[in-house]
Amino acid sequence: MEIAGLPLHALVVHAAVVLIPLAALAAVALVVLPTWRWLLRWPAAVLSVAVVGLAYLATTSGESLEHSRPQLEQLVHEHAERGDRLATLTVVLAVVVLAAALVLPGDSALLSGRGARLSRSRVLEAVVAVVVVLVAVLVLVQVVLTGDSGARAVWG
């Protein structure tokens, strides 16, 4: 797959390198900034779901590039495995962010207060918050490891 002679993977990866960490940081902000939940709740959820598609587009375009240039297969093997792990982690991130958006309490953006989420269970909220932060950190680490292995395969 190419666009104007450039491999699609090279183009998609740049979006992934920006948007996947942004989704992870938005997830952490949703958890640690309760006064901003009214603003962060749904953008963080939508972004986390969107990066799932982006991660899978990156892995699919990478596999296409690898098949079109068999000489790269040995060089990009580790990068491809890490990319697959990252794509899986983005699914996990989307699930836990959606859970956090539904479970965590927060004010409403409306003056009337309609739409505010009340606290249900402190234990559940704490567990969801910890899981979101852990998964977000794993995603950030995996983005760095995947990008590093890809850069080493291309430039190293």
N, C-alpha and C. Protein backbone atom coordinates (compact mmCIF):
# COMPACT_ATOMS: atom_id res chain seq x y z
N MET A 1 0.83 -1.18 0.00
CA MET A 1 0.00 0.00 0.00
C MET A 1 0.88 1.24 0.00
N GLU A 2 0.62 2.10 -0.95
CA GLU A 2 1.41 3.33 -1.08
C GLU A 2 0.50 4.52 -1.37
N ILE A 3 0.96 5.68 -0.97
CA ILE A 3 0.29 6.94 -1.30
C ILE A 3 1.36 7.86 -1.87
N ALA A 4 1.20 8.25 -3.11
CA ALA A 4 2.15 9.12 -3.81
C ALA A 4 3.57 8.55 -3.75
N GLY A 5 3.68 7.24 -3.86
CA GLY A 5 4.98 6.60 -3.88
C GLY A 5 5.58 6.32 -2.51
N LEU A 6 4.93 6.78 -1.45
CA LEU A 6 5.41 6.52 -0.09
C LEU A 6 4.65 5.35 0.51
N PRO A 7 5.35 4.47 1.21
CA PRO A 7 4.63 3.37 1.87
C PRO A 7 3.64 3.93 2.89
N LEU A 8 2.44 3.40 2.89
CA LEU A 8 1.40 3.85 3.82
C LEU A 8 1.86 3.72 5.27
N HIS A 9 2.64 2.69 5.56
CA HIS A 9 3.11 2.47 6.93
C HIS A 9 3.90 3.67 7.44
N ALA A 10 4.75 4.23 6.61
CA ALA A 10 5.55 5.39 7.04
C ALA A 10 4.66 6.58 7.38
N LEU A 11 3.55 6.72 6.70
CA LEU A 11 2.63 7.84 6.95
C LEU A 11 1.78 7.58 8.20
N VAL A 12 1.27 6.36 8.33
CA VAL A 12 0.39 6.02 9.45
C VAL A 12 1.16 6.03 10.77
N VAL A 13 2.40 5.59 10.73
CA VAL A 13 3.20 5.52 11.96
C VAL A 13 3.36 6.89 12.61
N HIS A 14 3.46 7.92 11.80
CA HIS A 14 3.61 9.26 12.39
C HIS A 14 2.36 9.66 13.17
N ALA A 15 1.21 9.31 12.66
CA ALA A 15 -0.03 9.58 13.40
C ALA A 15 -0.09 8.73 14.67
N ALA A 16 0.31 7.49 14.56
CA ALA A 16 0.28 6.59 15.72
C ALA A 16 1.23 7.06 16.82
N VAL A 17 2.40 7.53 16.44
CA VAL A 17 3.40 7.98 17.41
C VAL A 17 2.90 9.19 18.19
N VAL A 18 2.03 9.97 17.60
CA VAL A 18 1.47 11.14 18.28
C VAL A 18 0.19 10.79 19.03
N LEU A 19 -0.74 10.12 18.36
CA LEU A 19 -2.07 9.94 18.93
C LEU A 19 -2.17 8.85 19.99
N ILE A 20 -1.39 7.78 19.86
CA ILE A 20 -1.45 6.73 20.89
C ILE A 20 -0.94 7.24 22.24
N PRO A 21 0.22 7.91 22.30
CA PRO A 21 0.61 8.48 23.59
C PRO A 21 -0.36 9.55 24.09
N LEU A 22 -0.94 10.32 23.17
CA LEU A 22 -1.92 11.32 23.58
C LEU A 22 -3.14 10.65 24.23
N ALA A 23 -3.57 9.54 23.68
CA ALA A 23 -4.69 8.80 24.27
C ALA A 23 -4.32 8.28 25.65
N ALA A 24 -3.11 7.78 25.81
CA ALA A 24 -2.67 7.29 27.12
C ALA A 24 -2.60 8.43 28.13
N LEU A 25 -2.08 9.57 27.72
CA LEU A 25 -2.00 10.72 28.62
C LEU A 25 -3.38 11.27 28.96
N ALA A 26 -4.29 11.26 28.00
CA ALA A 26 -5.67 11.69 28.27
C ALA A 26 -6.33 10.75 29.27
N ALA A 27 -6.04 9.47 29.17
CA ALA A 27 -6.58 8.49 30.12
C ALA A 27 -6.08 8.76 31.53
N VAL A 28 -4.79 9.04 31.65
CA VAL A 28 -4.23 9.35 32.96
C VAL A 28 -4.82 10.64 33.50
N ALA A 29 -4.96 11.63 32.65
CA ALA A 29 -5.56 12.91 33.08
C ALA A 29 -7.00 12.70 33.55
N LEU A 30 -7.74 11.85 32.88
CA LEU A 30 -9.12 11.55 33.27
C LEU A 30 -9.16 11.01 34.70
N VAL A 31 -8.19 10.19 35.03
CA VAL A 31 -8.16 9.57 36.35
C VAL A 31 -7.65 10.51 37.43
N VAL A 32 -6.58 11.24 37.14
CA VAL A 32 -5.93 12.02 38.20
C VAL A 32 -6.43 13.45 38.33
N LEU A 33 -7.26 13.91 37.41
CA LEU A 33 -7.79 15.27 37.48
C LEU A 33 -9.32 15.24 37.59
N PRO A 34 -9.84 14.92 38.77
CA PRO A 34 -11.29 14.77 38.89
C PRO A 34 -12.07 16.03 38.57
N THR A 35 -11.50 17.20 38.78
CA THR A 35 -12.23 18.43 38.48
C THR A 35 -12.36 18.66 36.97
N TRP A 36 -11.57 17.97 36.18
CA TRP A 36 -11.62 18.11 34.73
C TRP A 36 -12.34 16.96 34.05
N ARG A 37 -12.88 16.04 34.82
CA ARG A 37 -13.54 14.87 34.20
C ARG A 37 -14.68 15.25 33.30
N TRP A 38 -15.39 16.31 33.64
CA TRP A 38 -16.52 16.74 32.80
C TRP A 38 -16.05 17.06 31.39
N LEU A 39 -14.80 17.51 31.26
CA LEU A 39 -14.26 17.87 29.96
C LEU A 39 -13.52 16.70 29.30
N LEU A 40 -12.87 15.87 30.09
CA LEU A 40 -12.00 14.81 29.56
C LEU A 40 -12.71 13.48 29.30
N ARG A 41 -13.82 13.24 29.97
CA ARG A 41 -14.45 11.92 29.96
C ARG A 41 -14.66 11.37 28.54
N TRP A 42 -15.40 12.05 27.71
CA TRP A 42 -15.73 11.48 26.40
C TRP A 42 -14.66 11.71 25.35
N PRO A 43 -13.92 12.82 25.34
CA PRO A 43 -12.80 12.91 24.40
C PRO A 43 -11.75 11.82 24.64
N ALA A 44 -11.46 11.52 25.91
CA ALA A 44 -10.49 10.45 26.21
C ALA A 44 -11.01 9.11 25.74
N ALA A 45 -12.30 8.87 25.94
CA ALA A 45 -12.90 7.59 25.51
C ALA A 45 -12.88 7.46 23.99
N VAL A 46 -13.29 8.51 23.30
CA VAL A 46 -13.32 8.48 21.83
C VAL A 46 -11.91 8.32 21.26
N LEU A 47 -10.96 9.06 21.82
CA LEU A 47 -9.57 8.96 21.34
C LEU A 47 -9.00 7.57 21.59
N SER A 48 -9.30 6.99 22.74
CA SER A 48 -8.77 5.65 23.02
C SER A 48 -9.35 4.60 22.07
N VAL A 49 -10.60 4.77 21.67
CA VAL A 49 -11.20 3.84 20.70
C VAL A 49 -10.62 4.10 19.30
N ALA A 50 -10.41 5.35 18.96
CA ALA A 50 -9.87 5.69 17.64
C ALA A 50 -8.46 5.14 17.44
N VAL A 51 -7.63 5.16 18.49
CA VAL A 51 -6.26 4.68 18.31
C VAL A 51 -6.19 3.17 18.14
N VAL A 52 -7.25 2.46 18.51
CA VAL A 52 -7.29 1.02 18.23
C VAL A 52 -7.25 0.81 16.72
N GLY A 53 -8.09 1.55 16.01
CA GLY A 53 -8.09 1.46 14.56
C GLY A 53 -6.78 1.91 13.95
N LEU A 54 -6.22 2.95 14.51
CA LEU A 54 -4.94 3.46 14.01
C LEU A 54 -3.82 2.44 14.22
N ALA A 55 -3.81 1.79 15.37
CA ALA A 55 -2.78 0.78 15.65
C ALA A 55 -2.91 -0.40 14.70
N TYR A 56 -4.14 -0.82 14.44
CA TYR A 56 -4.33 -1.93 13.52
C TYR A 56 -4.03 -1.53 12.08
N LEU A 57 -4.29 -0.30 11.72
CA LEU A 57 -3.91 0.18 10.39
C LEU A 57 -2.38 0.21 10.26
N ALA A 58 -1.70 0.60 11.32
CA ALA A 58 -0.23 0.61 11.30
C ALA A 58 0.33 -0.80 11.16
N THR A 59 -0.24 -1.76 11.90
CA THR A 59 0.27 -3.13 11.79
C THR A 59 -0.05 -3.74 10.43
N THR A 60 -1.24 -3.47 9.92
CA THR A 60 -1.62 -4.01 8.61
C THR A 60 -0.76 -3.42 7.50
N SER A 61 -0.54 -2.11 7.56
CA SER A 61 0.29 -1.49 6.53
C SER A 61 1.74 -1.93 6.67
N GLY A 62 2.19 -2.19 7.89
CA GLY A 62 3.54 -2.70 8.10
C GLY A 62 3.71 -4.10 7.53
N GLU A 63 2.70 -4.94 7.74
CA GLU A 63 2.75 -6.29 7.17
C GLU A 63 2.75 -6.24 5.65
N SER A 64 1.98 -5.32 5.09
CA SER A 64 1.95 -5.15 3.63
C SER A 64 3.31 -4.72 3.11
N LEU A 65 3.94 -3.80 3.81
CA LEU A 65 5.28 -3.34 3.42
C LEU A 65 6.28 -4.48 3.52
N GLU A 66 6.18 -5.26 4.58
CA GLU A 66 7.09 -6.38 4.78
C GLU A 66 6.93 -7.42 3.66
N HIS A 67 5.70 -7.70 3.24
CA HIS A 67 5.46 -8.68 2.18
C HIS A 67 5.90 -8.15 0.82
N SER A 68 5.81 -6.85 0.62
CA SER A 68 6.22 -6.30 -0.67
C SER A 68 7.74 -6.20 -0.80
N ARG A 69 8.42 -6.23 0.33
CA ARG A 69 9.90 -6.18 0.33
C ARG A 69 10.44 -7.28 1.24
N PRO A 70 10.52 -8.49 0.73
CA PRO A 70 10.92 -9.65 1.55
C PRO A 70 12.30 -9.50 2.19
N GLN A 71 13.16 -8.68 1.62
CA GLN A 71 14.49 -8.50 2.19
C GLN A 71 14.43 -7.81 3.56
N LEU A 72 13.31 -7.17 3.88
CA LEU A 72 13.16 -6.49 5.17
C LEU A 72 12.71 -7.42 6.29
N GLU A 73 12.23 -8.60 5.93
CA GLU A 73 11.61 -9.48 6.92
C GLU A 73 12.50 -9.75 8.13
N GLN A 74 13.75 -10.05 7.91
CA GLN A 74 14.66 -10.34 9.02
C GLN A 74 14.89 -9.10 9.88
N LEU A 75 14.98 -7.93 9.25
CA LEU A 75 15.26 -6.69 9.97
C LEU A 75 14.10 -6.24 10.85
N VAL A 76 12.89 -6.44 10.38
CA VAL A 76 11.73 -5.89 11.08
C VAL A 76 10.96 -6.90 11.92
N HIS A 77 11.49 -8.08 12.10
CA HIS A 77 10.79 -9.12 12.85
C HIS A 77 10.44 -8.65 14.27
N GLU A 78 11.42 -8.15 15.00
CA GLU A 78 11.18 -7.67 16.38
C GLU A 78 10.20 -6.50 16.38
N HIS A 79 10.36 -5.59 15.44
CA HIS A 79 9.48 -4.43 15.34
C HIS A 79 8.03 -4.87 15.09
N ALA A 80 7.85 -5.85 14.24
CA ALA A 80 6.50 -6.35 13.93
C ALA A 80 5.86 -6.98 15.16
N GLU A 81 6.63 -7.74 15.93
CA GLU A 81 6.09 -8.36 17.14
C GLU A 81 5.69 -7.29 18.16
N ARG A 82 6.53 -6.29 18.31
CA ARG A 82 6.21 -5.21 19.25
C ARG A 82 5.00 -4.40 18.78
N GLY A 83 4.89 -4.21 17.48
CA GLY A 83 3.72 -3.52 16.94
C GLY A 83 2.43 -4.28 17.21
N ASP A 84 2.49 -5.60 17.10
CA ASP A 84 1.32 -6.42 17.40
C ASP A 84 0.94 -6.31 18.88
N ARG A 85 1.96 -6.31 19.75
CA ARG A 85 1.69 -6.14 21.19
C ARG A 85 1.07 -4.77 21.47
N LEU A 86 1.58 -3.75 20.79
CA LEU A 86 1.03 -2.40 20.98
C LEU A 86 -0.42 -2.34 20.52
N ALA A 87 -0.73 -2.95 19.40
CA ALA A 87 -2.12 -2.95 18.92
C ALA A 87 -3.04 -3.63 19.94
N THR A 88 -2.58 -4.72 20.53
CA THR A 88 -3.37 -5.40 21.56
C THR A 88 -3.54 -4.51 22.79
N LEU A 89 -2.48 -3.83 23.18
CA LEU A 89 -2.56 -2.95 24.34
C LEU A 89 -3.50 -1.77 24.11
N THR A 90 -3.62 -1.31 22.87
CA THR A 90 -4.55 -0.21 22.61
C THR A 90 -5.99 -0.67 22.81
N VAL A 91 -6.27 -1.93 22.53
CA VAL A 91 -7.61 -2.47 22.80
C VAL A 91 -7.88 -2.48 24.30
N VAL A 92 -6.89 -2.93 25.07
CA VAL A 92 -7.02 -2.95 26.53
C VAL A 92 -7.21 -1.53 27.05
N LEU A 93 -6.44 -0.58 26.52
CA LEU A 93 -6.58 0.82 26.94
C LEU A 93 -7.99 1.32 26.65
N ALA A 94 -8.52 1.03 25.48
CA ALA A 94 -9.86 1.49 25.13
C ALA A 94 -10.90 0.92 26.09
N VAL A 95 -10.77 -0.33 26.43
CA VAL A 95 -11.73 -0.97 27.35
C VAL A 95 -11.68 -0.33 28.73
N VAL A 96 -10.47 -0.13 29.26
CA VAL A 96 -10.39 0.43 30.62
C VAL A 96 -10.76 1.91 30.65
N VAL A 97 -10.49 2.64 29.57
CA VAL A 97 -10.90 4.05 29.53
C VAL A 97 -12.41 4.17 29.42
N LEU A 98 -13.03 3.32 28.64
CA LEU A 98 -14.50 3.32 28.57
C LEU A 98 -15.09 2.97 29.93
N ALA A 99 -14.49 2.01 30.62
CA ALA A 99 -14.95 1.67 31.97
C ALA A 99 -14.79 2.85 32.91
N ALA A 100 -13.66 3.54 32.81
CA ALA A 100 -13.42 4.71 33.66
C ALA A 100 -14.41 5.82 33.35
N ALA A 101 -14.72 6.01 32.08
CA ALA A 101 -15.67 7.05 31.69
C ALA A 101 -17.05 6.78 32.27
N LEU A 102 -17.38 5.51 32.40
CA LEU A 102 -18.69 5.15 32.93
C LEU A 102 -18.74 5.07 34.46
N VAL A 103 -17.61 4.73 35.08
CA VAL A 103 -17.59 4.46 36.51
C VAL A 103 -17.17 5.66 37.36
N LEU A 104 -16.17 6.40 36.91
CA LEU A 104 -15.63 7.46 37.76
C LEU A 104 -16.61 8.61 37.92
N PRO A 105 -16.74 9.12 39.14
CA PRO A 105 -17.66 10.23 39.38
C PRO A 105 -17.09 11.53 38.85
N GLY A 106 -17.95 12.51 38.67
CA GLY A 106 -17.49 13.81 38.21
C GLY A 106 -18.62 14.78 38.03
N ASP A 107 -18.27 16.04 38.02
CA ASP A 107 -19.24 17.11 37.83
C ASP A 107 -19.73 17.12 36.39
N SER A 108 -20.76 17.91 36.19
CA SER A 108 -21.31 18.11 34.86
C SER A 108 -20.82 19.45 34.32
N ALA A 109 -20.79 19.59 33.01
CA ALA A 109 -20.44 20.86 32.40
C ALA A 109 -21.63 21.81 32.39
N LEU A 110 -22.81 21.30 32.69
CA LEU A 110 -24.02 22.09 32.68
C LEU A 110 -24.23 22.81 34.00
N LEU A 111 -24.71 24.03 33.95
CA LEU A 111 -24.99 24.78 35.17
C LEU A 111 -26.05 24.08 36.03
N SER A 112 -26.96 23.40 35.38
CA SER A 112 -28.01 22.71 36.12
C SER A 112 -27.48 21.50 36.88
N GLY A 113 -26.30 21.02 36.50
CA GLY A 113 -25.72 19.85 37.14
C GLY A 113 -26.18 18.54 36.54
N ARG A 114 -27.08 18.60 35.54
CA ARG A 114 -27.53 17.37 34.89
C ARG A 114 -26.35 16.69 34.21
N GLY A 115 -26.31 15.40 34.35
CA GLY A 115 -25.23 14.64 33.73
C GLY A 115 -24.07 14.37 34.66
N ALA A 116 -24.13 14.92 35.87
CA ALA A 116 -23.06 14.65 36.83
C ALA A 116 -23.10 13.17 37.22
N ARG A 117 -21.94 12.61 37.45
CA ARG A 117 -21.86 11.20 37.85
C ARG A 117 -21.55 11.16 39.35
N LEU A 118 -22.38 10.44 40.07
CA LEU A 118 -22.19 10.30 41.51
C LEU A 118 -21.30 9.10 41.79
N SER A 119 -20.68 9.15 42.94
CA SER A 119 -19.81 8.06 43.35
C SER A 119 -20.64 6.82 43.62
N ARG A 120 -20.19 5.68 43.09
CA ARG A 120 -20.91 4.42 43.30
C ARG A 120 -20.22 3.58 44.35
N SER A 121 -18.96 3.35 44.14
CA SER A 121 -18.18 2.51 45.04
C SER A 121 -16.75 3.00 45.02
N ARG A 122 -16.26 3.42 46.16
CA ARG A 122 -14.88 3.92 46.24
C ARG A 122 -13.87 2.85 45.84
N VAL A 123 -14.14 1.62 46.22
CA VAL A 123 -13.21 0.53 45.89
C VAL A 123 -13.16 0.33 44.38
N LEU A 124 -14.33 0.28 43.74
CA LEU A 124 -14.38 0.11 42.29
C LEU A 124 -13.69 1.26 41.58
N GLU A 125 -13.93 2.48 42.05
CA GLU A 125 -13.29 3.65 41.45
C GLU A 125 -11.78 3.59 41.59
N ALA A 126 -11.29 3.17 42.75
CA ALA A 126 -9.85 3.07 42.97
C ALA A 126 -9.23 2.00 42.07
N VAL A 127 -9.90 0.87 41.96
CA VAL A 127 -9.39 -0.21 41.10
C VAL A 127 -9.34 0.24 39.65
N VAL A 128 -10.41 0.86 39.18
CA VAL A 128 -10.45 1.34 37.79
C VAL A 128 -9.35 2.38 37.56
N ALA A 129 -9.18 3.28 38.49
CA ALA A 129 -8.15 4.32 38.35
C ALA A 129 -6.76 3.72 38.27
N VAL A 130 -6.46 2.77 39.13
CA VAL A 130 -5.13 2.14 39.12
C VAL A 130 -4.91 1.37 37.83
N VAL A 131 -5.92 0.65 37.38
CA VAL A 131 -5.78 -0.13 36.15
C VAL A 131 -5.57 0.79 34.95
N VAL A 132 -6.31 1.89 34.89
CA VAL A 132 -6.15 2.84 33.78
C VAL A 132 -4.72 3.37 33.74
N VAL A 133 -4.20 3.79 34.89
CA VAL A 133 -2.84 4.34 34.92
C VAL A 133 -1.82 3.27 34.53
N LEU A 134 -1.96 2.06 35.04
CA LEU A 134 -1.02 0.98 34.69
C LEU A 134 -1.05 0.67 33.20
N VAL A 135 -2.22 0.55 32.64
CA VAL A 135 -2.33 0.25 31.20
C VAL A 135 -1.78 1.40 30.37
N ALA A 136 -2.05 2.64 30.79
CA ALA A 136 -1.53 3.79 30.06
C ALA A 136 0.00 3.80 30.07
N VAL A 137 0.59 3.48 31.21
CA VAL A 137 2.06 3.42 31.29
C VAL A 137 2.59 2.30 30.39
N LEU A 138 1.93 1.15 30.42
CA LEU A 138 2.35 0.05 29.53
C LEU A 138 2.27 0.46 28.06
N VAL A 139 1.22 1.17 27.69
CA VAL A 139 1.08 1.63 26.31
C VAL A 139 2.21 2.59 25.96
N LEU A 140 2.50 3.53 26.84
CA LEU A 140 3.59 4.48 26.57
C LEU A 140 4.93 3.78 26.41
N VAL A 141 5.21 2.82 27.28
CA VAL A 141 6.46 2.07 27.18
C VAL A 141 6.50 1.28 25.87
N GLN A 142 5.38 0.66 25.51
CA GLN A 142 5.35 -0.14 24.29
C GLN A 142 5.49 0.73 23.05
N VAL A 143 4.95 1.94 23.07
CA VAL A 143 5.14 2.86 21.94
C VAL A 143 6.62 3.16 21.75
N VAL A 144 7.31 3.43 22.84
CA VAL A 144 8.75 3.74 22.77
C VAL A 144 9.53 2.53 22.26
N LEU A 145 9.24 1.35 22.82
CA LEU A 145 9.96 0.15 22.40
C LEU A 145 9.70 -0.20 20.93
N THR A 146 8.45 -0.06 20.51
CA THR A 146 8.11 -0.35 19.11
C THR A 146 8.77 0.64 18.17
N GLY A 147 8.69 1.91 18.51
CA GLY A 147 9.32 2.93 17.68
C GLY A 147 10.82 2.76 17.61
N ASP A 148 11.43 2.42 18.75
CA ASP A 148 12.88 2.23 18.78
C ASP A 148 13.29 1.05 17.90
N SER A 149 12.56 -0.05 18.00
CA SER A 149 12.93 -1.21 17.17
C SER A 149 12.71 -0.93 15.69
N GLY A 150 11.68 -0.13 15.36
CA GLY A 150 11.46 0.25 13.96
C GLY A 150 12.55 1.17 13.44
N ALA A 151 12.96 2.11 14.28
CA ALA A 151 14.03 3.02 13.87
C ALA A 151 15.35 2.27 13.69
N ARG A 152 15.61 1.33 14.58
CA ARG A 152 16.84 0.53 14.45
C ARG A 152 16.80 -0.33 13.18
N ALA A 153 15.62 -0.84 12.85
CA ALA A 153 15.51 -1.67 11.64
C ALA A 153 15.74 -0.82 10.39
N VAL A 154 15.26 0.41 10.40
CA VAL A 154 15.40 1.27 9.20
C VAL A 154 16.77 1.95 9.16
N TRP A 155 17.20 2.50 10.28
CA TRP A 155 18.41 3.32 10.29
C TRP A 155 19.63 2.61 10.85
N GLY A 156 19.43 1.51 11.56
CA GLY A 156 20.55 0.88 12.28
C GLY A 156 21.30 -0.10 11.44
